[in-house]
Amino acid sequence: MTTHDQALSGPGPEKGPEKGHEKGHDRKSVEIEQRMEQICLLLKSDPKMSISGISTELGITHKQVRIAIDRLKTAGVIQFTGSGRGGHWIVRN
């Protein structure tokens, strides 16, 4: 065994933080929470607002609106009632 081999066989570098605990992850959570609050306010003021309308009003993508709405529905904060064209949102918060 050479000196070079001994250096390679020693303990490896320490591992960094686990995935998901990085600063960017916390910032995304805060952004989603803020989006959810904004969406609730919009739906309170106009219960018939569409996802396209929310997207345009907040300047975010349809996917971002859909993710926030799915989380709000799962949490029981909002509910859509009626048909797709004639329905409306109920905000329970």
Protein backbone atom coordinates (compact mmCIF):
# COMPACT_ATOMS: atom_id res chain seq x y z
CA MET A 1 0.00 0.00 0.00
CA THR A 2 1.39 3.38 -0.96
CA THR A 3 0.89 6.72 0.75
CA HIS A 4 -1.55 7.66 -1.98
CA ASP A 5 -3.67 4.56 -1.29
CA GLN A 6 -3.71 5.28 2.43
CA ALA A 7 -5.05 8.79 1.85
CA LEU A 8 -7.87 7.39 -0.27
CA SER A 9 -8.85 4.72 2.23
CA GLY A 10 -9.39 7.16 5.13
CA PRO A 11 -12.73 8.52 6.23
CA GLY A 12 -14.62 10.35 3.49
CA PRO A 13 -15.76 13.93 3.57
CA GLU A 14 -18.57 14.80 5.92
CA LYS A 15 -21.98 14.74 4.33
CA GLY A 16 -23.89 17.96 3.88
CA PRO A 17 -27.42 18.68 5.07
CA GLU A 18 -30.11 16.25 4.08
CA LYS A 19 -32.13 17.05 1.00
CA GLY A 20 -35.09 19.31 1.67
CA HIS A 21 -33.49 21.16 4.54
CA GLU A 22 -31.77 23.71 2.38
CA LYS A 23 -32.56 27.41 2.45
CA GLY A 24 -34.28 27.26 -0.94
CA HIS A 25 -36.79 24.72 0.34
CA ASP A 26 -37.90 26.97 3.23
CA ARG A 27 -38.23 29.94 0.86
CA LYS A 28 -40.45 27.90 -1.47
CA SER A 29 -42.71 26.93 1.42
CA VAL A 30 -43.12 30.58 2.38
CA GLU A 31 -43.87 31.53 -1.24
CA ILE A 32 -46.53 28.82 -1.52
CA GLU A 33 -48.11 29.91 1.78
CA GLN A 34 -48.25 33.53 0.56
CA ARG A 35 -49.78 32.39 -2.74
CA MET A 36 -52.40 30.41 -0.88
CA GLU A 37 -53.35 33.49 1.18
CA GLN A 38 -53.56 35.64 -1.94
CA ILE A 39 -55.76 33.08 -3.66
CA CYS A 40 -58.10 32.94 -0.65
CA LEU A 41 -58.46 36.73 -0.71
CA LEU A 42 -59.21 36.69 -4.44
CA LEU A 43 -61.78 33.93 -4.07
CA LYS A 44 -63.48 35.78 -1.20
CA SER A 45 -63.81 38.88 -3.36
CA ASP A 46 -64.91 36.93 -6.47
CA PRO A 47 -66.08 33.35 -5.76
CA LYS A 48 -66.62 32.68 -9.47
CA MET A 49 -62.99 33.45 -10.41
CA SER A 50 -61.35 30.85 -12.64
CA ILE A 51 -57.86 29.42 -12.42
CA SER A 52 -56.97 31.48 -15.50
CA GLY A 53 -58.27 34.61 -13.79
CA ILE A 54 -56.27 33.88 -10.64
CA SER A 55 -53.17 33.20 -12.73
CA THR A 56 -53.53 36.49 -14.58
CA GLU A 57 -54.34 38.49 -11.44
CA LEU A 58 -51.35 37.18 -9.47
CA GLY A 59 -48.96 36.90 -12.42
CA ILE A 60 -48.17 33.25 -11.79
CA THR A 61 -48.52 30.09 -13.88
CA HIS A 62 -51.60 27.87 -14.04
CA LYS A 63 -49.57 25.09 -12.44
CA GLN A 64 -48.66 27.28 -9.46
CA VAL A 65 -52.34 28.17 -9.01
CA ARG A 66 -53.36 24.52 -9.30
CA ILE A 67 -50.79 23.41 -6.67
CA ALA A 68 -51.94 26.09 -4.23
CA ILE A 69 -55.63 25.29 -4.83
CA ASP A 70 -55.01 21.57 -4.33
CA ARG A 71 -53.32 22.29 -1.01
CA LEU A 72 -56.15 24.59 0.07
CA LYS A 73 -58.75 21.95 -0.86
CA THR A 74 -56.82 19.22 0.97
CA ALA A 75 -56.63 21.43 4.07
CA GLY A 76 -60.38 22.04 3.86
CA VAL A 77 -59.97 25.80 3.47
CA ILE A 78 -61.74 26.05 0.11
CA GLN A 79 -64.30 24.00 -1.75
CA PHE A 80 -65.71 24.26 -5.27
CA THR A 81 -69.42 23.73 -5.57
CA GLY A 82 -71.58 23.48 -8.68
CA SER A 83 -70.62 22.78 -12.25
CA GLY A 84 -67.40 23.81 -13.93
CA ARG A 85 -69.04 26.70 -15.77
CA GLY A 86 -71.61 27.87 -13.26
CA GLY A 87 -70.01 26.88 -9.97
CA HIS A 88 -68.28 28.95 -7.35
CA TRP A 89 -65.69 28.72 -4.59
CA ILE A 90 -66.54 28.62 -0.91
CA VAL A 91 -63.76 29.92 1.36
CA ARG A 92 -64.10 28.58 4.89
CA ASN A 93 -61.41 30.70 6.45
